[in-house]
PDB file of N, CA and C in Angstrom:
ATOM      1  N   GLU A   1      -5.548 -12.127  13.474  1.00  0.00           N
ATOM      2  CA  GLU A   1      -4.579 -13.205  13.585  1.00  0.00           C
ATOM      3  C   GLU A   1      -4.542 -14.028  12.298  1.00  0.00           C
ATOM      4  N   TRP A   2      -5.722 -14.268  11.741  1.00  0.00           N
ATOM      5  CA  TRP A   2      -5.776 -15.078  10.518  1.00  0.00           C
ATOM      6  C   TRP A   2      -5.062 -14.357   9.371  1.00  0.00           C
ATOM      7  N   GLN A   3      -5.270 -13.060   9.261  1.00  0.00           N
ATOM      8  CA  GLN A   3      -4.620 -12.297   8.203  1.00  0.00           C
ATOM      9  C   GLN A   3      -3.098 -12.344   8.353  1.00  0.00           C
ATOM     10  N   ILE A   4      -2.620 -12.275   9.576  1.00  0.00           N
ATOM     11  CA  ILE A   4      -1.175 -12.366   9.822  1.00  0.00           C
ATOM     12  C   ILE A   4      -0.640 -13.716   9.362  1.00  0.00           C
ATOM     13  N   MET A   5      -1.363 -14.770   9.683  1.00  0.00           N
ATOM     14  CA  MET A   5      -0.927 -16.105   9.258  1.00  0.00           C
ATOM     15  C   MET A   5      -0.916 -16.218   7.738  1.00  0.00           C
ATOM     16  N   GLU A   6      -1.915 -15.630   7.073  1.00  0.00           N
ATOM     17  CA  GLU A   6      -1.943 -15.665   5.613  1.00  0.00           C
ATOM     18  C   GLU A   6      -0.730 -14.953   5.015  1.00  0.00           C
ATOM     19  N   VAL A   7      -0.346 -13.840   5.623  1.00  0.00           N
ATOM     20  CA  VAL A   7       0.834 -13.110   5.155  1.00  0.00           C
ATOM     21  C   VAL A   7       2.080 -13.974   5.314  1.00  0.00           C
ATOM     22  N   LEU A   8       2.222 -14.606   6.460  1.00  0.00           N
ATOM     23  CA  LEU A   8       3.397 -15.452   6.700  1.00  0.00           C
ATOM     24  C   LEU A   8       3.435 -16.643   5.749  1.00  0.00           C
ATOM     25  N   TRP A   9       2.304 -17.283   5.528  1.00  0.00           N
ATOM     26  CA  TRP A   9       2.251 -18.431   4.609  1.00  0.00           C
ATOM     27  C   TRP A   9       2.562 -18.004   3.176  1.00  0.00           C
ATOM     28  N   ALA A  10       2.031 -16.874   2.753  1.00  0.00           N
ATOM     29  CA  ALA A  10       2.223 -16.424   1.381  1.00  0.00           C
ATOM     30  C   ALA A  10       3.671 -16.051   1.106  1.00  0.00           C
ATOM     31  N   CYS A  11       4.348 -15.503   2.099  1.00  0.00           N
ATOM     32  CA  CYS A  11       5.728 -15.061   1.909  1.00  0.00           C
ATOM     33  C   CYS A  11       6.683 -16.248   1.798  1.00  0.00           C
ATOM     34  N   GLY A  12       6.466 -17.252   2.616  1.00  0.00           N
ATOM     35  CA  GLY A  12       7.312 -18.439   2.552  1.00  0.00           C
ATOM     36  C   GLY A  12       8.688 -18.276   3.183  1.00  0.00           C
ATOM     37  N   GLU A  13       8.912 -17.191   3.897  1.00  0.00           N
ATOM     38  CA  GLU A  13      10.179 -16.990   4.593  1.00  0.00           C
ATOM     39  C   GLU A  13       9.910 -16.204   5.871  1.00  0.00           C
ATOM     40  N   PRO A  14      10.822 -16.251   6.823  1.00  0.00           N
ATOM     41  CA  PRO A  14      10.611 -15.524   8.080  1.00  0.00           C
ATOM     42  C   PRO A  14      10.497 -14.019   7.841  1.00  0.00           C
ATOM     43  N   LEU A  15       9.606 -13.368   8.586  1.00  0.00           N
ATOM     44  CA  LEU A  15       9.415 -11.928   8.492  1.00  0.00           C
ATOM     45  C   LEU A  15       9.495 -11.310   9.879  1.00  0.00           C
ATOM     46  N   THR A  16       9.931 -10.056   9.914  1.00  0.00           N
ATOM     47  CA  THR A  16       9.899  -9.327  11.174  1.00  0.00           C
ATOM     48  C   THR A  16       8.471  -8.830  11.405  1.00  0.00           C
ATOM     49  N   SER A  17       8.178  -8.400  12.624  1.00  0.00           N
ATOM     50  CA  SER A  17       6.837  -7.895  12.899  1.00  0.00           C
ATOM     51  C   SER A  17       6.545  -6.651  12.061  1.00  0.00           C
ATOM     52  N   SER A  18       7.563  -5.847  11.799  1.00  0.00           N
ATOM     53  CA  SER A  18       7.394  -4.654  10.966  1.00  0.00           C
ATOM     54  C   SER A  18       7.015  -5.029   9.532  1.00  0.00           C
ATOM     55  N   GLU A  19       7.658  -6.060   8.996  1.00  0.00           N
ATOM     56  CA  GLU A  19       7.336  -6.531   7.646  1.00  0.00           C
ATOM     57  C   GLU A  19       5.923  -7.085   7.578  1.00  0.00           C
ATOM     58  N   VAL A  20       5.519  -7.819   8.571  1.00  0.00           N
ATOM     59  CA  VAL A  20       4.157  -8.367   8.609  1.00  0.00           C
ATOM     60  C   VAL A  20       3.158  -7.219   8.650  1.00  0.00           C
ATOM     61  N   TYR A  21       3.432  -6.227   9.471  1.00  0.00           N
ATOM     62  CA  TYR A  21       2.540  -5.075   9.589  1.00  0.00           C
ATOM     63  C   TYR A  21       2.379  -4.363   8.246  1.00  0.00           C
ATOM     64  N   LYS A  22       3.504  -4.135   7.522  1.00  0.00           N
ATOM     65  CA  LYS A  22       3.458  -3.461   6.220  1.00  0.00           C
ATOM     66  C   LYS A  22       2.628  -4.254   5.233  1.00  0.00           C
ATOM     67  N   GLU A  23       2.840  -5.628   5.158  1.00  0.00           N
ATOM     68  CA  GLU A  23       2.099  -6.450   4.207  1.00  0.00           C
ATOM     69  C   GLU A  23       0.620  -6.491   4.542  1.00  0.00           C
ATOM     70  N   CYS A  24       0.266  -6.459   5.895  1.00  0.00           N
ATOM     71  CA  CYS A  24      -1.148  -6.439   6.297  1.00  0.00           C
ATOM     72  C   CYS A  24      -1.799  -5.125   5.880  1.00  0.00           C
ATOM     73  N   VAL A  25      -1.069  -4.021   6.053  1.00  0.00           N
ATOM     74  CA  VAL A  25      -1.604  -2.712   5.667  1.00  0.00           C
ATOM     75  C   VAL A  25      -1.845  -2.681   4.158  1.00  0.00           C
ATOM     76  N   LYS A  26      -0.913  -3.203   3.398  1.00  0.00           N
ATOM     77  CA  LYS A  26      -1.081  -3.235   1.939  1.00  0.00           C
ATOM     78  C   LYS A  26      -2.315  -4.035   1.551  1.00  0.00           C
ATOM     79  N   GLU A  27      -2.494  -5.179   2.162  1.00  0.00           N
ATOM     80  CA  GLU A  27      -3.641  -6.028   1.844  1.00  0.00           C
ATOM     81  C   GLU A  27      -4.950  -5.350   2.230  1.00  0.00           C
ATOM     82  N   LYS A  28      -4.974  -4.729   3.378  1.00  0.00           N
ATOM     83  CA  LYS A  28      -6.178  -4.025   3.828  1.00  0.00           C
ATOM     84  C   LYS A  28      -6.489  -2.864   2.887  1.00  0.00           C
ATOM     85  N   SER A  29      -5.462  -2.158   2.451  1.00  0.00           N
ATOM     86  CA  SER A  29      -5.650  -1.054   1.509  1.00  0.00           C
ATOM     87  C   SER A  29      -6.195  -1.566   0.184  1.00  0.00           C
ATOM     88  N   ARG A  30      -5.648  -2.674  -0.287  1.00  0.00           N
ATOM     89  CA  ARG A  30      -6.120  -3.282  -1.539  1.00  0.00           C
ATOM     90  C   ARG A  30      -7.595  -3.652  -1.441  1.00  0.00           C
ATOM     91  N   LYS A  31      -7.969  -4.255  -0.313  1.00  0.00           N
ATOM     92  CA  LYS A  31      -9.367  -4.651  -0.132  1.00  0.00           C
ATOM     93  C   LYS A  31     -10.282  -3.431  -0.072  1.00  0.00           C
ATOM     94  N   PHE A  32      -9.818  -2.341   0.555  1.00  0.00           N
ATOM     95  CA  PHE A  32     -10.584  -1.103   0.622  1.00  0.00           C
ATOM     96  C   PHE A  32     -10.836  -0.558  -0.786  1.00  0.00           C
ATOM     97  N   VAL A  33      -9.778  -0.497  -1.590  1.00  0.00           N
ATOM     98  CA  VAL A  33      -9.905   0.008  -2.959  1.00  0.00           C
ATOM     99  C   VAL A  33     -10.828  -0.892  -3.773  1.00  0.00           C
ATOM    100  N   ASP A  34     -10.697  -2.187  -3.612  1.00  0.00           N
ATOM    101  CA  ASP A  34     -11.580  -3.114  -4.322  1.00  0.00           C
ATOM    102  C   ASP A  34     -13.033  -2.920  -3.927  1.00  0.00           C
ATOM    103  N   SER A  35     -13.288  -2.751  -2.632  1.00  0.00           N
ATOM    104  CA  SER A  35     -14.653  -2.642  -2.128  1.00  0.00           C
ATOM    105  C   SER A  35     -15.336  -1.335  -2.492  1.00  0.00           C
ATOM    106  N   TYR A  36     -14.629  -0.225  -2.341  1.00  0.00           N
ATOM    107  CA  TYR A  36     -15.259   1.082  -2.494  1.00  0.00           C
ATOM    108  C   TYR A  36     -15.000   1.772  -3.827  1.00  0.00           C
ATOM    109  N   PHE A  37     -13.989   1.321  -4.557  1.00  0.00           N
ATOM    110  CA  PHE A  37     -13.634   1.989  -5.811  1.00  0.00           C
ATOM    111  C   PHE A  37     -13.493   1.003  -6.970  1.00  0.00           C
ATOM    112  N   SER A  38     -14.102  -0.163  -6.845  1.00  0.00           N
ATOM    113  CA  SER A  38     -14.077  -1.192  -7.897  1.00  0.00           C
ATOM    114  C   SER A  38     -12.661  -1.487  -8.373  1.00  0.00           C
ATOM    115  N   GLY A  39     -11.709  -1.436  -7.458  1.00  0.00           N
ATOM    116  CA  GLY A  39     -10.330  -1.768  -7.783  1.00  0.00           C
ATOM    117  C   GLY A  39      -9.554  -0.656  -8.461  1.00  0.00           C
ATOM    118  N   ASN A  40     -10.162   0.522  -8.640  1.00  0.00           N
ATOM    119  CA  ASN A  40      -9.494   1.628  -9.324  1.00  0.00           C
ATOM    120  C   ASN A  40      -8.704   2.465  -8.322  1.00  0.00           C
ATOM    121  N   GLY A  41      -7.414   2.213  -8.249  1.00  0.00           N
ATOM    122  CA  GLY A  41      -6.546   2.908  -7.312  1.00  0.00           C
ATOM    123  C   GLY A  41      -6.444   4.400  -7.572  1.00  0.00           C
ATOM    124  N   THR A  42      -6.516   4.800  -8.838  1.00  0.00           N
ATOM    125  CA  THR A  42      -6.447   6.219  -9.171  1.00  0.00           C
ATOM    126  C   THR A  42      -7.627   6.972  -8.572  1.00  0.00           C
ATOM    127  N   ASN A  43      -8.830   6.424  -8.726  1.00  0.00           N
ATOM    128  CA  ASN A  43     -10.015   7.070  -8.151  1.00  0.00           C
ATOM    129  C   ASN A  43      -9.937   7.118  -6.631  1.00  0.00           C
ATOM    130  N   ALA A  44      -9.425   6.064  -6.021  1.00  0.00           N
ATOM    131  CA  ALA A  44      -9.301   6.024  -4.567  1.00  0.00           C
ATOM    132  C   ALA A  44      -8.339   7.103  -4.084  1.00  0.00           C
ATOM    133  N   MET A  45      -7.190   7.203  -4.740  1.00  0.00           N
ATOM    134  CA  MET A  45      -6.209   8.210  -4.344  1.00  0.00           C
ATOM    135  C   MET A  45      -6.751   9.614  -4.537  1.00  0.00           C
ATOM    136  N   ALA A  46      -7.415   9.853  -5.659  1.00  0.00           N
ATOM    137  CA  ALA A  46      -7.966  11.177  -5.928  1.00  0.00           C
ATOM    138  C   ALA A  46      -8.997  11.560  -4.871  1.00  0.00           C
ATOM    139  N   ALA A  47      -9.871  10.633  -4.508  1.00  0.00           N
ATOM    140  CA  ALA A  47     -10.895  10.917  -3.503  1.00  0.00           C
ATOM    141  C   ALA A  47     -10.267  11.253  -2.157  1.00  0.00           C
ATOM    142  N   LEU A  48      -9.249  10.504  -1.763  1.00  0.00           N
ATOM    143  CA  LEU A  48      -8.584  10.761  -0.491  1.00  0.00           C
ATOM    144  C   LEU A  48      -7.822  12.087  -0.501  1.00  0.00           C
ATOM    145  N   LEU A  49      -7.132  12.365  -1.600  1.00  0.00           N
ATOM    146  CA  LEU A  49      -6.352  13.594  -1.680  1.00  0.00           C
ATOM    147  C   LEU A  49      -7.234  14.844  -1.683  1.00  0.00           C
ATOM    148  N   GLN A  50      -8.424  14.727  -2.248  1.00  0.00           N
ATOM    149  CA  GLN A  50      -9.335  15.867  -2.300  1.00  0.00           C
ATOM    150  C   GLN A  50     -10.065  16.076  -0.978  1.00  0.00           C
ATOM    151  N   SER A  51      -9.913  15.134  -0.055  1.00  0.00           N
ATOM    152  CA  SER A  51     -10.623  15.216   1.216  1.00  0.00           C
ATOM    153  C   SER A  51      -9.958  16.121   2.245  1.00  0.00           C
ATOM    154  N   PHE A  52      -8.686  16.461   2.052  1.00  0.00           N
ATOM    155  CA  PHE A  52      -7.984  17.287   3.034  1.00  0.00           C
ATOM    156  C   PHE A  52      -6.819  18.023   2.377  1.00  0.00           C
ATOM    157  N   SER A  53      -6.306  19.034   3.076  1.00  0.00           N
ATOM    158  CA  SER A  53      -5.168  19.818   2.588  1.00  0.00           C
ATOM    159  C   SER A  53      -3.871  19.116   2.945  1.00  0.00           C
ATOM    160  N   LEU A  54      -2.893  19.254   2.066  1.00  0.00           N
ATOM    161  CA  LEU A  54      -1.584  18.656   2.294  1.00  0.00           C
ATOM    162  C   LEU A  54      -0.538  19.741   2.489  1.00  0.00           C
ATOM    163  N   THR A  55       0.429  19.448   3.352  1.00  0.00           N
ATOM    164  CA  THR A  55       1.566  20.346   3.513  1.00  0.00           C
ATOM    165  C   THR A  55       2.541  20.095   2.365  1.00  0.00           C
ATOM    166  N   GLU A  56       3.466  21.001   2.175  1.00  0.00           N
ATOM    167  CA  GLU A  56       4.483  20.826   1.140  1.00  0.00           C
ATOM    168  C   GLU A  56       5.297  19.559   1.400  1.00  0.00           C
ATOM    169  N   GLU A  57       5.581  19.281   2.656  1.00  0.00           N
ATOM    170  CA  GLU A  57       6.332  18.070   3.021  1.00  0.00           C
ATOM    171  C   GLU A  57       5.559  16.804   2.635  1.00  0.00           C
ATOM    172  N   GLN A  58       4.259  16.796   2.874  1.00  0.00           N
ATOM    173  CA  GLN A  58       3.436  15.642   2.517  1.00  0.00           C
ATOM    174  C   GLN A  58       3.373  15.457   1.004  1.00  0.00           C
ATOM    175  N   ILE A  59       3.292  16.558   0.270  1.00  0.00           N
ATOM    176  CA  ILE A  59       3.273  16.491  -1.191  1.00  0.00           C
ATOM    177  C   ILE A  59       4.583  15.901  -1.703  1.00  0.00           C
ATOM    178  N   GLN A  60       5.701  16.332  -1.132  1.00  0.00           N
ATOM    179  CA  GLN A  60       7.007  15.794  -1.527  1.00  0.00           C
ATOM    180  C   GLN A  60       7.096  14.300  -1.235  1.00  0.00           C
ATOM    181  N   GLU A  61       6.554  13.894  -0.086  1.00  0.00           N
ATOM    182  CA  GLU A  61       6.556  12.476   0.264  1.00  0.00           C
ATOM    183  C   GLU A  61       5.743  11.662  -0.750  1.00  0.00           C
ATOM    184  N   LEU A  62       4.592  12.183  -1.144  1.00  0.00           N
ATOM    185  CA  LEU A  62       3.774  11.503  -2.147  1.00  0.00           C
ATOM    186  C   LEU A  62       4.474  11.437  -3.499  1.00  0.00           C
ATOM    187  N   GLU A  63       5.179  12.507  -3.859  1.00  0.00           N
ATOM    188  CA  GLU A  63       5.938  12.506  -5.109  1.00  0.00           C
ATOM    189  C   GLU A  63       7.014  11.434  -5.102  1.00  0.00           C
ATOM    190  N   GLU A  64       7.678  11.241  -3.967  1.00  0.00           N
ATOM    191  CA  GLU A  64       8.693  10.187  -3.848  1.00  0.00           C
ATOM    192  C   GLU A  64       8.065   8.798  -3.998  1.00  0.00           C
ATOM    193  N   ILE A  65       6.910   8.620  -3.405  1.00  0.00           N
ATOM    194  CA  ILE A  65       6.205   7.344  -3.521  1.00  0.00           C
ATOM    195  C   ILE A  65       5.854   7.068  -4.981  1.00  0.00           C
ATOM    196  N   LEU A  66       5.384   8.086  -5.690  1.00  0.00           N
ATOM    197  CA  LEU A  66       5.051   7.922  -7.106  1.00  0.00           C
ATOM    198  C   LEU A  66       6.284   7.603  -7.943  1.00  0.00           C
ATOM    199  N   LYS A  67       7.416   8.250  -7.638  1.00  0.00           N
ATOM    200  CA  LYS A  67       8.660   7.954  -8.353  1.00  0.00           C
ATOM    201  C   LYS A  67       9.057   6.496  -8.168  1.00  0.00           C
ATOM    202  N   LYS A  68       8.961   6.008  -6.926  1.00  0.00           N
ATOM    203  CA  LYS A  68       9.308   4.618  -6.652  1.00  0.00           C
ATOM    204  C   LYS A  68       8.358   3.677  -7.385  1.00  0.00           C
ATOM    205  N   SER A  69       7.094   4.042  -7.436  1.00  0.00           N
ATOM    206  CA  SER A  69       6.096   3.228  -8.121  1.00  0.00           C
ATOM    207  C   SER A  69       6.412   3.121  -9.608  1.00  0.00           C
ATOM    208  N   ARG A  70       6.843   4.218 -10.219  1.00  0.00           N
ATOM    209  CA  ARG A  70       7.225   4.187 -11.630  1.00  0.00           C
ATOM    210  C   ARG A  70       8.394   3.222 -11.842  1.00  0.00           C
ATOM    211  N   GLY A  71       9.341   3.230 -10.936  1.00  0.00           N
ATOM    212  CA  GLY A  71      10.509   2.361 -11.049  1.00  0.00           C
ATOM    213  C   GLY A  71      10.176   0.890 -10.917  1.00  0.00           C
ATOM    214  N   GLN A  72       9.035   0.583 -10.295  1.00  0.00           N
ATOM    215  CA  GLN A  72       8.618  -0.804 -10.120  1.00  0.00           C
ATOM    216  C   GLN A  72       7.759  -1.287 -11.279  1.00  0.00           C
ATOM    217  N   GLY A  73       7.461  -0.420 -12.201  1.00  0.00           N
ATOM    218  CA  GLY A  73       6.604  -0.807 -13.320  1.00  0.00           C
ATOM    219  C   GLY A  73       5.193  -1.133 -12.875  1.00  0.00           C
ATOM    220  N   GLY A  74       4.732  -0.493 -11.792  1.00  0.00           N
ATOM    221  CA  GLY A  74       3.385  -0.699 -11.320  1.00  0.00           C
ATOM    222  C   GLY A  74       3.205  -1.932 -10.448  1.00  0.00           C
ATOM    223  N   LYS A  75       4.300  -2.675 -10.225  1.00  0.00           N
ATOM    224  CA  LYS A  75       4.218  -3.892  -9.410  1.00  0.00           C
ATOM    225  C   LYS A  75       4.358  -3.550  -7.939  1.00  0.00           C
ATOM    226  N   SER A  76       3.652  -4.276  -7.086  1.00  0.00           N
ATOM    227  CA  SER A  76       3.763  -4.103  -5.640  1.00  0.00           C
ATOM    228  C   SER A  76       4.525  -5.270  -5.059  1.00  0.00           C
ATOM    229  N   PRO A  77       5.736  -5.041  -4.558  1.00  0.00           N
ATOM    230  CA  PRO A  77       6.500  -6.150  -3.985  1.00  0.00           C
ATOM    231  C   PRO A  77       5.841  -6.641  -2.699  1.00  0.00           C
ATOM    232  N   ASP A  78       5.940  -7.941  -2.464  1.00  0.00           N
ATOM    233  CA  ASP A  78       5.376  -8.529  -1.252  1.00  0.00           C
ATOM    234  C   ASP A  78       6.153  -8.118  -0.019  1.00  0.00           C
ATOM    235  N   LYS A  79       7.436  -7.853  -0.216  1.00  0.00           N
ATOM    236  CA  LYS A  79       8.309  -7.546   0.911  1.00  0.00           C
ATOM    237  C   LYS A  79       9.180  -6.367   0.570  1.00  0.00           C
ATOM    238  N   GLU A  80       9.189  -5.356   1.417  1.00  0.00           N
ATOM    239  CA  GLU A  80      10.041  -4.195   1.198  1.00  0.00           C
ATOM    240  C   GLU A  80      11.346  -4.369   1.935  1.00  0.00           C
ATOM    241  N   GLY A  81      12.441  -3.903   1.330  1.00  0.00           N
ATOM    242  CA  GLY A  81      13.736  -4.079   1.953  1.00  0.00           C
ATOM    243  C   GLY A  81      14.252  -2.917   2.657  1.00  0.00           C
TER     244      GLY A  81
END
């Protein structure tokens, strides 16, 4: 509950429950990477990707995510549209 309130306060505008959920997941992921990989997202992604096999569809989905990330200049928006 506290994390949800922090997300709402930080955004400064009304959010849907789906938006709150996405921002909470992002924050939890960030904390995981900080805790276990010293903030190195590349190492975290590599470790996770090497842990299991991916289907061609999953690989394509990851490629799309990387393309979008390049377009953002590495920035993570607080709110997705």
